[in-house]
Amino acid sequence: MIILTTDNYPGKEIKKVIGYVKGATVRSKHVGRDIGASFKTLVGGELKGYTDMQDESRKVALERMIKEAESKGANAILAVRFQSSSIMAGASEIMAYGTAVEVE
């Protein structure tokens, strides 16, 4: 599966636009990360536990988007974007979305 953030695939002809596809996951923090993050906020710096959680969440969302695109017959996804939002205190959603297409 070709994943591009651009609106087209240079050098390739789009045979069919399949449409919108997405993948999402909602993750929550756990007590261990919260305690470590609380101490880190006192001195500043990267909250490595949260960075790792967000990286893993993006991977899961991307995999789910690819799976949906494959099930619809796509071989590429264009205009891919990621979005995050807070669902509730201590939980956030990461979503990957784009346009599934069939290219030559």
N, C-alpha and C. Protein backbone atom coordinates (compact mmCIF):
# COMPACT_ATOMS: atom_id res chain seq x y z
N MET A 1 0.85 -1.18 0.00
CA MET A 1 0.00 0.00 0.00
C MET A 1 0.89 1.23 0.00
N ILE A 2 0.65 2.10 -0.96
CA ILE A 2 1.38 3.37 -1.04
C ILE A 2 0.61 4.40 -0.22
N ILE A 3 1.30 5.08 0.69
CA ILE A 3 0.69 6.11 1.53
C ILE A 3 1.37 7.43 1.19
N LEU A 4 0.59 8.41 0.75
CA LEU A 4 1.13 9.72 0.39
C LEU A 4 0.35 10.83 1.08
N THR A 5 1.05 11.89 1.44
CA THR A 5 0.37 13.06 2.00
C THR A 5 -0.03 14.04 0.90
N THR A 6 0.42 13.79 -0.31
CA THR A 6 0.08 14.66 -1.43
C THR A 6 -1.29 14.29 -2.00
N ASP A 7 -1.86 15.20 -2.77
CA ASP A 7 -3.18 14.98 -3.36
C ASP A 7 -3.13 14.16 -4.64
N ASN A 8 -1.93 13.87 -5.13
CA ASN A 8 -1.79 13.04 -6.32
C ASN A 8 -0.57 12.15 -6.16
N TYR A 9 -0.40 11.27 -7.12
CA TYR A 9 0.71 10.32 -7.10
C TYR A 9 1.54 10.62 -8.34
N PRO A 10 2.60 11.41 -8.20
CA PRO A 10 3.39 11.81 -9.36
C PRO A 10 3.85 10.62 -10.20
N GLY A 11 3.62 10.71 -11.51
CA GLY A 11 4.04 9.67 -12.43
C GLY A 11 3.08 8.50 -12.55
N LYS A 12 1.99 8.54 -11.79
CA LYS A 12 1.00 7.47 -11.85
C LYS A 12 -0.37 8.05 -12.19
N GLU A 13 -1.14 7.25 -12.91
CA GLU A 13 -2.50 7.65 -13.25
C GLU A 13 -3.47 7.03 -12.25
N ILE A 14 -4.37 7.86 -11.74
CA ILE A 14 -5.39 7.36 -10.84
C ILE A 14 -6.50 6.76 -11.69
N LYS A 15 -6.67 5.44 -11.58
CA LYS A 15 -7.69 4.74 -12.37
C LYS A 15 -9.06 4.89 -11.74
N LYS A 16 -9.10 4.93 -10.41
CA LYS A 16 -10.39 4.97 -9.73
C LYS A 16 -10.22 5.61 -8.35
N VAL A 17 -11.10 6.55 -8.04
CA VAL A 17 -11.14 7.11 -6.69
C VAL A 17 -12.16 6.30 -5.90
N ILE A 18 -11.70 5.63 -4.87
CA ILE A 18 -12.57 4.77 -4.08
C ILE A 18 -13.27 5.57 -3.00
N GLY A 19 -12.55 6.48 -2.38
CA GLY A 19 -13.17 7.35 -1.40
C GLY A 19 -12.46 7.39 -0.06
N TYR A 20 -13.13 8.03 0.88
CA TYR A 20 -12.62 8.29 2.22
C TYR A 20 -12.39 6.99 2.99
N VAL A 21 -11.23 6.91 3.63
CA VAL A 21 -10.93 5.80 4.54
C VAL A 21 -10.31 6.38 5.80
N LYS A 22 -10.49 5.67 6.89
CA LYS A 22 -9.95 6.16 8.15
C LYS A 22 -9.63 5.00 9.08
N GLY A 23 -8.83 5.29 10.05
CA GLY A 23 -8.52 4.36 11.12
C GLY A 23 -8.35 5.17 12.38
N ALA A 24 -8.81 4.66 13.50
CA ALA A 24 -8.73 5.43 14.75
C ALA A 24 -8.47 4.51 15.93
N THR A 25 -7.96 5.10 16.98
CA THR A 25 -7.79 4.41 18.26
C THR A 25 -7.94 5.44 19.37
N VAL A 26 -8.48 5.01 20.48
CA VAL A 26 -8.59 5.85 21.67
C VAL A 26 -7.72 5.21 22.74
N ARG A 27 -6.84 5.99 23.29
CA ARG A 27 -5.91 5.48 24.31
C ARG A 27 -6.04 6.31 25.58
N SER A 28 -5.80 5.65 26.68
CA SER A 28 -5.81 6.36 27.96
C SER A 28 -4.45 6.23 28.63
N LYS A 29 -4.18 7.19 29.48
CA LYS A 29 -2.94 7.17 30.25
C LYS A 29 -3.10 6.18 31.40
N HIS A 30 -1.98 5.72 31.93
CA HIS A 30 -2.06 4.88 33.12
C HIS A 30 -1.30 5.54 34.26
N VAL A 31 -1.53 5.09 35.46
CA VAL A 31 -0.99 5.72 36.65
C VAL A 31 0.52 5.85 36.60
N GLY A 32 1.21 4.83 36.15
CA GLY A 32 2.67 4.89 36.06
C GLY A 32 3.15 6.04 35.20
N ARG A 33 2.53 6.21 34.04
CA ARG A 33 2.91 7.32 33.15
C ARG A 33 2.57 8.65 33.79
N ASP A 34 1.42 8.74 34.45
CA ASP A 34 1.01 9.99 35.07
C ASP A 34 1.98 10.42 36.17
N ILE A 35 2.40 9.47 36.98
CA ILE A 35 3.33 9.80 38.06
C ILE A 35 4.66 10.28 37.49
N GLY A 36 5.18 9.54 36.50
CA GLY A 36 6.43 9.94 35.86
C GLY A 36 6.32 11.30 35.18
N ALA A 37 5.19 11.53 34.52
CA ALA A 37 4.98 12.81 33.83
C ALA A 37 4.86 13.95 34.82
N SER A 38 4.24 13.70 35.96
CA SER A 38 4.11 14.74 36.99
C SER A 38 5.48 15.21 37.46
N PHE A 39 6.39 14.26 37.68
CA PHE A 39 7.74 14.63 38.11
C PHE A 39 8.47 15.38 36.99
N LYS A 40 8.29 14.94 35.76
CA LYS A 40 8.98 15.55 34.62
C LYS A 40 8.54 16.99 34.42
N THR A 41 7.25 17.28 34.68
CA THR A 41 6.76 18.65 34.48
C THR A 41 7.41 19.62 35.45
N LEU A 42 7.96 19.12 36.54
CA LEU A 42 8.64 20.00 37.51
C LEU A 42 9.97 20.53 36.96
N VAL A 43 10.65 19.71 36.16
CA VAL A 43 11.96 20.11 35.64
C VAL A 43 11.94 20.41 34.15
N GLY A 44 10.88 20.07 33.47
CA GLY A 44 10.78 20.32 32.04
C GLY A 44 11.37 19.19 31.22
N GLY A 45 11.09 19.22 29.94
CA GLY A 45 11.63 18.21 29.04
C GLY A 45 10.54 17.35 28.43
N GLU A 46 10.97 16.43 27.60
CA GLU A 46 10.04 15.55 26.88
C GLU A 46 9.42 14.53 27.82
N LEU A 47 8.13 14.30 27.63
CA LEU A 47 7.42 13.26 28.38
C LEU A 47 7.46 11.99 27.54
N LYS A 48 8.56 11.25 27.67
CA LYS A 48 8.85 10.11 26.81
C LYS A 48 7.73 9.07 26.81
N GLY A 49 7.14 8.80 27.94
CA GLY A 49 6.05 7.82 28.01
C GLY A 49 4.87 8.22 27.14
N TYR A 50 4.55 9.51 27.13
CA TYR A 50 3.44 9.99 26.32
C TYR A 50 3.81 10.02 24.83
N THR A 51 5.07 10.37 24.55
CA THR A 51 5.54 10.35 23.16
C THR A 51 5.43 8.95 22.59
N ASP A 52 5.87 7.96 23.37
CA ASP A 52 5.78 6.57 22.93
C ASP A 52 4.33 6.14 22.72
N MET A 53 3.45 6.55 23.64
CA MET A 53 2.03 6.20 23.52
C MET A 53 1.43 6.81 22.25
N GLN A 54 1.77 8.05 21.94
CA GLN A 54 1.25 8.70 20.74
C GLN A 54 1.81 8.04 19.48
N ASP A 55 3.08 7.68 19.49
CA ASP A 55 3.67 6.99 18.34
C ASP A 55 2.96 5.66 18.07
N GLU A 56 2.74 4.90 19.12
CA GLU A 56 2.04 3.62 18.98
C GLU A 56 0.61 3.84 18.49
N SER A 57 -0.04 4.86 19.00
CA SER A 57 -1.42 5.17 18.57
C SER A 57 -1.47 5.52 17.09
N ARG A 58 -0.51 6.30 16.60
CA ARG A 58 -0.47 6.64 15.17
C ARG A 58 -0.29 5.39 14.32
N LYS A 59 0.58 4.49 14.76
CA LYS A 59 0.80 3.24 14.02
C LYS A 59 -0.48 2.42 13.94
N VAL A 60 -1.19 2.30 15.05
CA VAL A 60 -2.44 1.53 15.08
C VAL A 60 -3.47 2.17 14.15
N ALA A 61 -3.63 3.50 14.24
CA ALA A 61 -4.59 4.20 13.39
C ALA A 61 -4.24 4.02 11.92
N LEU A 62 -2.96 4.13 11.57
CA LEU A 62 -2.52 3.96 10.19
C LEU A 62 -2.80 2.55 9.69
N GLU A 63 -2.50 1.54 10.51
CA GLU A 63 -2.76 0.15 10.12
C GLU A 63 -4.25 -0.09 9.88
N ARG A 64 -5.10 0.49 10.71
CA ARG A 64 -6.54 0.32 10.55
C ARG A 64 -7.05 1.01 9.29
N MET A 65 -6.47 2.17 8.97
CA MET A 65 -6.85 2.87 7.74
C MET A 65 -6.44 2.04 6.52
N ILE A 66 -5.23 1.50 6.54
CA ILE A 66 -4.74 0.67 5.43
C ILE A 66 -5.64 -0.55 5.26
N LYS A 67 -6.00 -1.19 6.34
CA LYS A 67 -6.86 -2.38 6.28
C LYS A 67 -8.20 -2.03 5.63
N GLU A 68 -8.78 -0.90 5.98
CA GLU A 68 -10.05 -0.48 5.37
C GLU A 68 -9.87 -0.23 3.87
N ALA A 69 -8.78 0.44 3.50
CA ALA A 69 -8.52 0.73 2.09
C ALA A 69 -8.33 -0.56 1.29
N GLU A 70 -7.59 -1.51 1.84
CA GLU A 70 -7.38 -2.78 1.16
C GLU A 70 -8.69 -3.53 0.98
N SER A 71 -9.55 -3.47 1.98
CA SER A 71 -10.84 -4.17 1.87
C SER A 71 -11.74 -3.57 0.79
N LYS A 72 -11.45 -2.33 0.40
CA LYS A 72 -12.23 -1.66 -0.65
C LYS A 72 -11.55 -1.75 -2.02
N GLY A 73 -10.40 -2.43 -2.07
CA GLY A 73 -9.71 -2.63 -3.34
C GLY A 73 -8.69 -1.57 -3.71
N ALA A 74 -8.31 -0.73 -2.78
CA ALA A 74 -7.34 0.33 -3.07
C ALA A 74 -5.92 -0.22 -3.05
N ASN A 75 -5.05 0.45 -3.78
CA ASN A 75 -3.63 0.12 -3.69
C ASN A 75 -2.79 1.34 -3.31
N ALA A 76 -3.47 2.45 -3.02
CA ALA A 76 -2.80 3.66 -2.54
C ALA A 76 -3.80 4.51 -1.76
N ILE A 77 -3.26 5.33 -0.85
CA ILE A 77 -4.08 6.28 -0.12
C ILE A 77 -3.41 7.63 -0.25
N LEU A 78 -4.15 8.60 -0.74
CA LEU A 78 -3.63 9.95 -0.96
C LEU A 78 -4.16 10.91 0.11
N ALA A 79 -3.48 12.05 0.23
CA ALA A 79 -3.88 13.13 1.14
C ALA A 79 -4.05 12.64 2.57
N VAL A 80 -3.13 11.79 3.01
CA VAL A 80 -3.22 11.22 4.36
C VAL A 80 -2.91 12.29 5.40
N ARG A 81 -3.74 12.30 6.43
CA ARG A 81 -3.60 13.24 7.54
C ARG A 81 -3.81 12.49 8.85
N PHE A 82 -3.27 13.06 9.92
CA PHE A 82 -3.50 12.56 11.26
C PHE A 82 -4.17 13.66 12.07
N GLN A 83 -5.03 13.25 12.97
CA GLN A 83 -5.72 14.20 13.84
C GLN A 83 -5.79 13.60 15.23
N SER A 84 -5.67 14.44 16.22
CA SER A 84 -5.83 13.96 17.60
C SER A 84 -6.82 14.85 18.33
N SER A 85 -7.49 14.26 19.28
CA SER A 85 -8.44 15.03 20.08
C SER A 85 -8.58 14.38 21.45
N SER A 86 -8.97 15.19 22.40
CA SER A 86 -9.21 14.70 23.75
C SER A 86 -10.63 14.19 23.82
N ILE A 87 -10.80 12.97 24.27
CA ILE A 87 -12.12 12.36 24.39
C ILE A 87 -12.70 12.65 25.77
N MET A 88 -11.86 12.49 26.78
CA MET A 88 -12.23 12.76 28.16
C MET A 88 -10.94 12.96 28.93
N ALA A 89 -11.02 13.31 30.19
CA ALA A 89 -9.81 13.49 30.98
C ALA A 89 -9.00 12.20 30.96
N GLY A 90 -7.77 12.29 30.50
CA GLY A 90 -6.90 11.13 30.50
C GLY A 90 -7.01 10.21 29.30
N ALA A 91 -7.81 10.58 28.29
CA ALA A 91 -7.94 9.73 27.10
C ALA A 91 -7.95 10.60 25.85
N SER A 92 -7.28 10.12 24.82
CA SER A 92 -7.28 10.86 23.56
C SER A 92 -7.47 9.91 22.37
N GLU A 93 -7.99 10.48 21.30
CA GLU A 93 -8.20 9.74 20.06
C GLU A 93 -7.17 10.18 19.05
N ILE A 94 -6.61 9.23 18.33
CA ILE A 94 -5.75 9.51 17.19
C ILE A 94 -6.45 8.92 15.98
N MET A 95 -6.58 9.73 14.93
CA MET A 95 -7.24 9.25 13.72
C MET A 95 -6.34 9.54 12.52
N ALA A 96 -6.26 8.55 11.63
CA ALA A 96 -5.59 8.69 10.34
C ALA A 96 -6.67 8.63 9.28
N TYR A 97 -6.61 9.51 8.29
CA TYR A 97 -7.62 9.48 7.23
C TYR A 97 -7.01 9.95 5.92
N GLY A 98 -7.67 9.55 4.84
CA GLY A 98 -7.20 9.91 3.52
C GLY A 98 -8.16 9.44 2.46
N THR A 99 -7.74 9.54 1.20
CA THR A 99 -8.56 9.13 0.06
C THR A 99 -7.97 7.88 -0.56
N ALA A 100 -8.73 6.81 -0.52
CA ALA A 100 -8.30 5.54 -1.10
C ALA A 100 -8.49 5.60 -2.62
N VAL A 101 -7.48 5.15 -3.35
CA VAL A 101 -7.53 5.15 -4.80
C VAL A 101 -6.94 3.86 -5.36
N GLU A 102 -7.23 3.63 -6.63
CA GLU A 102 -6.57 2.57 -7.37
C GLU A 102 -5.74 3.26 -8.42
N VAL A 103 -4.43 2.98 -8.41
CA VAL A 103 -3.55 3.57 -9.40
C VAL A 103 -3.04 2.50 -10.34
N GLU A 104 -2.56 2.94 -11.51
CA GLU A 104 -2.05 2.00 -12.52
C GLU A 104 -0.89 1.19 -12.02
